[in-house]
Amino acid sequence: MSREIKFIPFFVRIGTICLPCRYPSASVELVDNVFGDSRGLQRFPARRSLDPLSLNGIPMHHRIHAAYHQAKFSRSPCAWLFIDGVPIEEWLNCHLEYPSLELHGLSLMWLLDEEEDALAKRRFEPAEDGTSTPVPLLVCGDDMDFDCFVLMTEQVIDGEILHWRRFGVSVSDGLEVGITTRWDAESRPVSFSLGEFREALEEFYRLMKA
């Protein structure tokens, strides 16, 4: 006998599991019934990973750190950024549902031109509180420049929180990357602790020089 689980809006979301292998564009939200009965956790299919939220007044952010990673298009491991323990290109592939994002490289590592590389590093660096910066996140794994596909985010600093407020594809190229961007209609924001984000960048650059 099959049971139908109806969606009830009175719940608290407490986590996300991305399933990049069997379901490359899906995730599963774990939700807890606020009525505290014995049904426990329920699983509901979700199009994307969770937006930042607050639980009992405590802000919950995505985790970010740096480590070595060998991307699908790379011949060897190199310094990389991870979100919630997943390589950034794979995590964004799950979060945004863009085609083949897992085949794109982190701009901080995957640019050949020195000026473009310096620009990416400047844009990634958190700016002053209350500001926003267009940041190039991923570039073509083959071209390794800003003249092909470039995934952008609007990076916003709000006190001790760093937001990737929205995502899109740069229309302008080269050193004008991100000046003209086709932003997604659905923003799908992501938030990090500003302190942890800075620590991740510091560790990334340390691994690059190691």
C-alpha atoms as a PDB file:
ATOM      1  CA  MET A   1       0.000   0.000   0.000  1.00  0.00           C
ATOM      2  CA  SER A   2       1.557   3.285  -1.114  1.00  0.00           C
ATOM      3  CA  ARG A   3       1.431   6.397   0.990  1.00  0.00           C
ATOM      4  CA  GLU A   4       1.128   9.896  -0.349  1.00  0.00           C
ATOM      5  CA  ILE A   5       3.176  12.513   1.476  1.00  0.00           C
ATOM      6  CA  LYS A   6       1.616  15.920   1.138  1.00  0.00           C
ATOM      7  CA  PHE A   7       3.712  19.025   1.425  1.00  0.00           C
ATOM      8  CA  ILE A   8       2.859  21.049   4.531  1.00  0.00           C
ATOM      9  CA  PRO A   9       4.430  24.516   4.665  1.00  0.00           C
ATOM     10  CA  PHE A  10       4.999  24.373   8.435  1.00  0.00           C
ATOM     11  CA  PHE A  11       8.461  22.879   8.633  1.00  0.00           C
ATOM     12  CA  VAL A  12      12.043  23.788   9.343  1.00  0.00           C
ATOM     13  CA  ARG A  13      14.686  22.907   6.783  1.00  0.00           C
ATOM     14  CA  ILE A  14      17.849  21.624   8.434  1.00  0.00           C
ATOM     15  CA  GLY A  15      20.097  20.424   5.647  1.00  0.00           C
ATOM     16  CA  THR A  16      20.686  19.397   2.069  1.00  0.00           C
ATOM     17  CA  ILE A  17      22.197  16.387   0.364  1.00  0.00           C
ATOM     18  CA  CYS A  18      23.300  16.939  -3.225  1.00  0.00           C
ATOM     19  CA  LEU A  19      23.260  13.879  -5.446  1.00  0.00           C
ATOM     20  CA  PRO A  20      25.625  14.684  -8.323  1.00  0.00           C
ATOM     21  CA  CYS A  21      26.110  11.073  -9.429  1.00  0.00           C
ATOM     22  CA  ARG A  22      22.639   9.646 -10.004  1.00  0.00           C
ATOM     23  CA  TYR A  23      20.816  12.978 -10.037  1.00  0.00           C
ATOM     24  CA  PRO A  24      23.172  15.663 -11.364  1.00  0.00           C
ATOM     25  CA  SER A  25      20.573  18.433 -11.125  1.00  0.00           C
ATOM     26  CA  ALA A  26      18.818  17.464  -7.922  1.00  0.00           C
ATOM     27  CA  SER A  27      19.108  17.579  -4.193  1.00  0.00           C
ATOM     28  CA  VAL A  28      17.130  16.274  -1.259  1.00  0.00           C
ATOM     29  CA  GLU A  29      15.930  18.569   1.491  1.00  0.00           C
ATOM     30  CA  LEU A  30      15.781  17.110   4.994  1.00  0.00           C
ATOM     31  CA  VAL A  31      12.920  18.681   6.904  1.00  0.00           C
ATOM     32  CA  ASP A  32      11.780  18.287  10.468  1.00  0.00           C
ATOM     33  CA  ASN A  33       8.165  18.413  11.539  1.00  0.00           C
ATOM     34  CA  VAL A  34       7.729  21.359  13.893  1.00  0.00           C
ATOM     35  CA  PHE A  35       4.885  19.628  15.721  1.00  0.00           C
ATOM     36  CA  GLY A  36       7.429  17.254  17.300  1.00  0.00           C
ATOM     37  CA  ASP A  37       5.527  14.044  16.619  1.00  0.00           C
ATOM     38  CA  SER A  38       7.076  10.642  15.958  1.00  0.00           C
ATOM     39  CA  ARG A  39       7.234  10.942  12.181  1.00  0.00           C
ATOM     40  CA  GLY A  40      10.757  12.365  12.378  1.00  0.00           C
ATOM     41  CA  LEU A  41      12.533  13.517   9.263  1.00  0.00           C
ATOM     42  CA  GLN A  42      10.793  13.573   5.901  1.00  0.00           C
ATOM     43  CA  ARG A  43      12.449  13.807   2.515  1.00  0.00           C
ATOM     44  CA  PHE A  44      11.155  16.000  -0.266  1.00  0.00           C
ATOM     45  CA  PRO A  45      12.699  16.307  -3.754  1.00  0.00           C
ATOM     46  CA  ALA A  46      14.173  19.722  -4.420  1.00  0.00           C
ATOM     47  CA  ARG A  47      15.313  21.454  -7.593  1.00  0.00           C
ATOM     48  CA  ARG A  48      18.343  22.957  -5.941  1.00  0.00           C
ATOM     49  CA  SER A  49      20.280  23.210  -2.727  1.00  0.00           C
ATOM     50  CA  LEU A  50      19.044  25.330   0.139  1.00  0.00           C
ATOM     51  CA  ASP A  51      19.196  29.080   0.290  1.00  0.00           C
ATOM     52  CA  PRO A  52      20.736  30.575   3.436  1.00  0.00           C
ATOM     53  CA  LEU A  53      18.332  30.471   6.354  1.00  0.00           C
ATOM     54  CA  SER A  54      18.094  31.092  10.053  1.00  0.00           C
ATOM     55  CA  LEU A  55      17.218  28.468  12.647  1.00  0.00           C
ATOM     56  CA  ASN A  56      16.049  29.740  16.027  1.00  0.00           C
ATOM     57  CA  GLY A  57      17.693  33.065  15.298  1.00  0.00           C
ATOM     58  CA  ILE A  58      21.082  31.466  14.564  1.00  0.00           C
ATOM     59  CA  PRO A  59      22.297  32.193  11.011  1.00  0.00           C
ATOM     60  CA  MET A  60      23.206  29.104   9.006  1.00  0.00           C
ATOM     61  CA  HIS A  61      25.649  29.496   6.142  1.00  0.00           C
ATOM     62  CA  HIS A  62      27.240  27.250   3.587  1.00  0.00           C
ATOM     63  CA  ARG A  63      30.761  26.125   4.463  1.00  0.00           C
ATOM     64  CA  ILE A  64      33.722  26.973   2.255  1.00  0.00           C
ATOM     65  CA  HIS A  65      37.316  25.750   2.432  1.00  0.00           C
ATOM     66  CA  ALA A  66      40.372  25.177   0.257  1.00  0.00           C
ATOM     67  CA  ALA A  67      42.092  21.873  -0.511  1.00  0.00           C
ATOM     68  CA  TYR A  68      43.748  20.039  -3.386  1.00  0.00           C
ATOM     69  CA  HIS A  69      41.425  18.700  -6.071  1.00  0.00           C
ATOM     70  CA  GLN A  70      41.837  17.066  -9.471  1.00  0.00           C
ATOM     71  CA  ALA A  71      39.008  18.303 -11.667  1.00  0.00           C
ATOM     72  CA  LYS A  72      37.629  16.133 -14.459  1.00  0.00           C
ATOM     73  CA  PHE A  73      39.469  18.198 -17.067  1.00  0.00           C
ATOM     74  CA  SER A  74      42.760  18.473 -15.127  1.00  0.00           C
ATOM     75  CA  ARG A  75      45.796  16.203 -15.389  1.00  0.00           C
ATOM     76  CA  SER A  76      46.824  16.666 -11.766  1.00  0.00           C
ATOM     77  CA  PRO A  77      45.506  17.957  -8.415  1.00  0.00           C
ATOM     78  CA  CYS A  78      45.783  21.668  -7.677  1.00  0.00           C
ATOM     79  CA  ALA A  79      44.528  24.198  -5.131  1.00  0.00           C
ATOM     80  CA  TRP A  80      40.751  24.506  -5.252  1.00  0.00           C
ATOM     81  CA  LEU A  81      37.717  25.806  -3.364  1.00  0.00           C
ATOM     82  CA  PHE A  82      35.061  23.525  -1.903  1.00  0.00           C
ATOM     83  CA  ILE A  83      31.512  24.367  -0.825  1.00  0.00           C
ATOM     84  CA  ASP A  84      29.975  22.096   1.812  1.00  0.00           C
ATOM     85  CA  GLY A  85      32.798  19.614   1.129  1.00  0.00           C
ATOM     86  CA  VAL A  86      32.103  19.459  -2.637  1.00  0.00           C
ATOM     87  CA  PRO A  87      34.414  20.926  -5.329  1.00  0.00           C
ATOM     88  CA  ILE A  88      32.998  24.305  -6.326  1.00  0.00           C
ATOM     89  CA  GLU A  89      32.270  23.420  -9.963  1.00  0.00           C
ATOM     90  CA  GLU A  90      30.392  20.258  -8.944  1.00  0.00           C
ATOM     91  CA  TRP A  91      28.477  22.055  -6.190  1.00  0.00           C
ATOM     92  CA  LEU A  92      27.442  24.875  -8.540  1.00  0.00           C
ATOM     93  CA  ASN A  93      26.457  22.309 -11.160  1.00  0.00           C
ATOM     94  CA  CYS A  94      24.002  20.901  -8.618  1.00  0.00           C
ATOM     95  CA  HIS A  95      22.887  24.279  -7.267  1.00  0.00           C
ATOM     96  CA  LEU A  96      22.332  26.104 -10.559  1.00  0.00           C
ATOM     97  CA  GLU A  97      21.470  23.288 -12.995  1.00  0.00           C
ATOM     98  CA  TYR A  98      23.592  24.824 -15.760  1.00  0.00           C
ATOM     99  CA  PRO A  99      24.724  22.301 -18.386  1.00  0.00           C
ATOM    100  CA  SER A 100      28.174  20.787 -17.761  1.00  0.00           C
ATOM    101  CA  LEU A 101      29.359  23.248 -15.119  1.00  0.00           C
ATOM    102  CA  GLU A 102      31.498  20.460 -13.682  1.00  0.00           C
ATOM    103  CA  LEU A 103      33.700  20.847 -16.773  1.00  0.00           C
ATOM    104  CA  HIS A 104      34.575  24.472 -15.943  1.00  0.00           C
ATOM    105  CA  GLY A 105      37.568  25.630 -13.935  1.00  0.00           C
ATOM    106  CA  LEU A 106      37.840  27.880 -10.892  1.00  0.00           C
ATOM    107  CA  SER A 107      38.912  31.281 -12.207  1.00  0.00           C
ATOM    108  CA  LEU A 108      41.440  31.750  -9.384  1.00  0.00           C
ATOM    109  CA  MET A 109      43.417  28.795 -10.735  1.00  0.00           C
ATOM    110  CA  TRP A 110      42.342  28.284 -14.337  1.00  0.00           C
ATOM    111  CA  LEU A 111      43.397  31.425 -16.226  1.00  0.00           C
ATOM    112  CA  LEU A 112      46.452  31.683 -18.472  1.00  0.00           C
ATOM    113  CA  ASP A 113      46.519  35.450 -18.994  1.00  0.00           C
ATOM    114  CA  GLU A 114      48.275  37.223 -16.119  1.00  0.00           C
ATOM    115  CA  GLU A 115      46.029  40.301 -16.244  1.00  0.00           C
ATOM    116  CA  GLU A 116      42.870  38.189 -16.213  1.00  0.00           C
ATOM    117  CA  ASP A 117      44.276  36.112 -13.367  1.00  0.00           C
ATOM    118  CA  ALA A 118      45.032  39.269 -11.348  1.00  0.00           C
ATOM    119  CA  LEU A 119      41.534  40.606 -12.041  1.00  0.00           C
ATOM    120  CA  ALA A 120      39.910  37.392 -10.802  1.00  0.00           C
ATOM    121  CA  LYS A 121      41.920  37.559  -7.573  1.00  0.00           C
ATOM    122  CA  ARG A 122      40.969  41.214  -7.013  1.00  0.00           C
ATOM    123  CA  ARG A 123      37.275  40.514  -7.596  1.00  0.00           C
ATOM    124  CA  PHE A 124      37.235  37.484  -5.256  1.00  0.00           C
ATOM    125  CA  GLU A 125      38.723  39.489  -2.392  1.00  0.00           C
ATOM    126  CA  PRO A 126      35.889  40.708  -0.111  1.00  0.00           C
ATOM    127  CA  ALA A 127      35.379  44.466  -0.430  1.00  0.00           C
ATOM    128  CA  GLU A 128      34.011  46.929   2.120  1.00  0.00           C
ATOM    129  CA  ASP A 129      30.806  46.369   4.048  1.00  0.00           C
ATOM    130  CA  GLY A 130      27.706  47.330   2.066  1.00  0.00           C
ATOM    131  CA  THR A 131      29.339  46.889  -1.362  1.00  0.00           C
ATOM    132  CA  SER A 132      28.777  44.465  -4.241  1.00  0.00           C
ATOM    133  CA  THR A 133      31.302  43.158  -6.752  1.00  0.00           C
ATOM    134  CA  PRO A 134      30.802  41.114  -9.963  1.00  0.00           C
ATOM    135  CA  VAL A 135      33.015  38.049  -9.448  1.00  0.00           C
ATOM    136  CA  PRO A 136      33.992  35.584 -12.190  1.00  0.00           C
ATOM    137  CA  LEU A 137      33.637  32.129 -10.619  1.00  0.00           C
ATOM    138  CA  LEU A 138      34.138  29.554 -13.361  1.00  0.00           C
ATOM    139  CA  VAL A 139      35.700  29.638 -16.829  1.00  0.00           C
ATOM    140  CA  CYS A 140      35.908  27.170 -19.725  1.00  0.00           C
ATOM    141  CA  GLY A 141      38.124  24.218 -18.852  1.00  0.00           C
ATOM    142  CA  ASP A 142      39.631  24.207 -22.354  1.00  0.00           C
ATOM    143  CA  ASP A 143      39.936  27.920 -23.205  1.00  0.00           C
ATOM    144  CA  MET A 144      41.162  29.063 -19.775  1.00  0.00           C
ATOM    145  CA  ASP A 145      40.258  32.733 -20.371  1.00  0.00           C
ATOM    146  CA  PHE A 146      37.466  35.305 -20.136  1.00  0.00           C
ATOM    147  CA  ASP A 147      36.634  35.123 -23.853  1.00  0.00           C
ATOM    148  CA  CYS A 148      34.515  31.978 -23.534  1.00  0.00           C
ATOM    149  CA  PHE A 149      31.784  31.090 -21.025  1.00  0.00           C
ATOM    150  CA  VAL A 150      32.253  32.825 -17.651  1.00  0.00           C
ATOM    151  CA  LEU A 151      29.932  32.122 -14.731  1.00  0.00           C
ATOM    152  CA  MET A 152      29.475  35.288 -12.665  1.00  0.00           C
ATOM    153  CA  THR A 153      28.113  36.039  -9.217  1.00  0.00           C
ATOM    154  CA  GLU A 154      27.251  39.299  -7.483  1.00  0.00           C
ATOM    155  CA  GLN A 155      29.284  39.201  -4.276  1.00  0.00           C
ATOM    156  CA  VAL A 156      27.714  41.326  -1.524  1.00  0.00           C
ATOM    157  CA  ILE A 157      29.261  42.106   1.858  1.00  0.00           C
ATOM    158  CA  ASP A 158      26.745  42.519   4.686  1.00  0.00           C
ATOM    159  CA  GLY A 159      28.473  42.846   8.043  1.00  0.00           C
ATOM    160  CA  GLU A 160      30.054  39.492   8.895  1.00  0.00           C
ATOM    161  CA  ILE A 161      28.233  37.704   6.070  1.00  0.00           C
ATOM    162  CA  LEU A 162      29.335  37.350   2.454  1.00  0.00           C
ATOM    163  CA  HIS A 163      26.552  36.651  -0.035  1.00  0.00           C
ATOM    164  CA  TRP A 164      26.670  35.385  -3.568  1.00  0.00           C
ATOM    165  CA  ARG A 165      23.407  37.194  -4.217  1.00  0.00           C
ATOM    166  CA  ARG A 166      22.729  36.065  -7.802  1.00  0.00           C
ATOM    167  CA  PHE A 167      24.359  34.210 -10.682  1.00  0.00           C
ATOM    168  CA  GLY A 168      24.604  34.748 -14.408  1.00  0.00           C
ATOM    169  CA  VAL A 169      26.767  34.579 -17.534  1.00  0.00           C
ATOM    170  CA  SER A 170      29.089  37.404 -18.544  1.00  0.00           C
ATOM    171  CA  VAL A 171      28.257  39.023 -21.877  1.00  0.00           C
ATOM    172  CA  SER A 172      31.347  41.230 -21.869  1.00  0.00           C
ATOM    173  CA  ASP A 173      34.715  39.478 -22.142  1.00  0.00           C
ATOM    174  CA  GLY A 174      38.410  39.974 -21.460  1.00  0.00           C
ATOM    175  CA  LEU A 175      39.238  42.518 -18.782  1.00  0.00           C
ATOM    176  CA  GLU A 176      35.668  43.844 -18.945  1.00  0.00           C
ATOM    177  CA  VAL A 177      34.305  40.510 -17.750  1.00  0.00           C
ATOM    178  CA  GLY A 178      31.108  40.870 -15.749  1.00  0.00           C
ATOM    179  CA  ILE A 179      30.544  44.548 -16.606  1.00  0.00           C
ATOM    180  CA  THR A 180      27.662  43.340 -18.747  1.00  0.00           C
ATOM    181  CA  THR A 181      26.080  40.181 -17.332  1.00  0.00           C
ATOM    182  CA  ARG A 182      22.936  38.256 -18.176  1.00  0.00           C
ATOM    183  CA  TRP A 183      21.668  37.506 -14.662  1.00  0.00           C
ATOM    184  CA  ASP A 184      19.432  34.531 -13.976  1.00  0.00           C
ATOM    185  CA  ALA A 185      15.783  35.374 -13.376  1.00  0.00           C
ATOM    186  CA  GLU A 186      15.925  33.151 -10.271  1.00  0.00           C
ATOM    187  CA  SER A 187      18.605  34.506  -7.947  1.00  0.00           C
ATOM    188  CA  ARG A 188      19.388  31.332  -5.875  1.00  0.00           C
ATOM    189  CA  PRO A 189      21.569  33.153  -3.310  1.00  0.00           C
ATOM    190  CA  VAL A 190      24.332  31.561  -1.253  1.00  0.00           C
ATOM    191  CA  SER A 191      25.801  32.924   1.998  1.00  0.00           C
ATOM    192  CA  PHE A 192      29.076  32.313   3.841  1.00  0.00           C
ATOM    193  CA  SER A 193      30.661  33.507   7.040  1.00  0.00           C
ATOM    194  CA  LEU A 194      32.921  36.357   5.948  1.00  0.00           C
ATOM    195  CA  GLY A 195      35.668  35.156   8.288  1.00  0.00           C
ATOM    196  CA  GLU A 196      35.548  31.607   6.943  1.00  0.00           C
ATOM    197  CA  PHE A 197      35.563  32.911   3.360  1.00  0.00           C
ATOM    198  CA  ARG A 198      38.716  34.916   4.046  1.00  0.00           C
ATOM    199  CA  GLU A 199      40.339  31.894   5.694  1.00  0.00           C
ATOM    200  CA  ALA A 200      39.482  29.760   2.651  1.00  0.00           C
ATOM    201  CA  LEU A 201      41.154  32.280   0.314  1.00  0.00           C
ATOM    202  CA  GLU A 202      44.251  32.443   2.523  1.00  0.00           C
ATOM    203  CA  GLU A 203      44.529  28.654   2.561  1.00  0.00           C
ATOM    204  CA  PHE A 204      43.943  28.538  -1.205  1.00  0.00           C
ATOM    205  CA  TYR A 205      46.872  30.884  -1.873  1.00  0.00           C
ATOM    206  CA  ARG A 206      49.047  28.953   0.595  1.00  0.00           C
ATOM    207  CA  LEU A 207      48.316  25.715  -1.268  1.00  0.00           C
ATOM    208  CA  MET A 208      49.099  27.409  -4.571  1.00  0.00           C
ATOM    209  CA  LYS A 209      52.580  28.326  -3.340  1.00  0.00           C
ATOM    210  CA  ALA A 210      53.282  24.998  -1.596  1.00  0.00           C
END
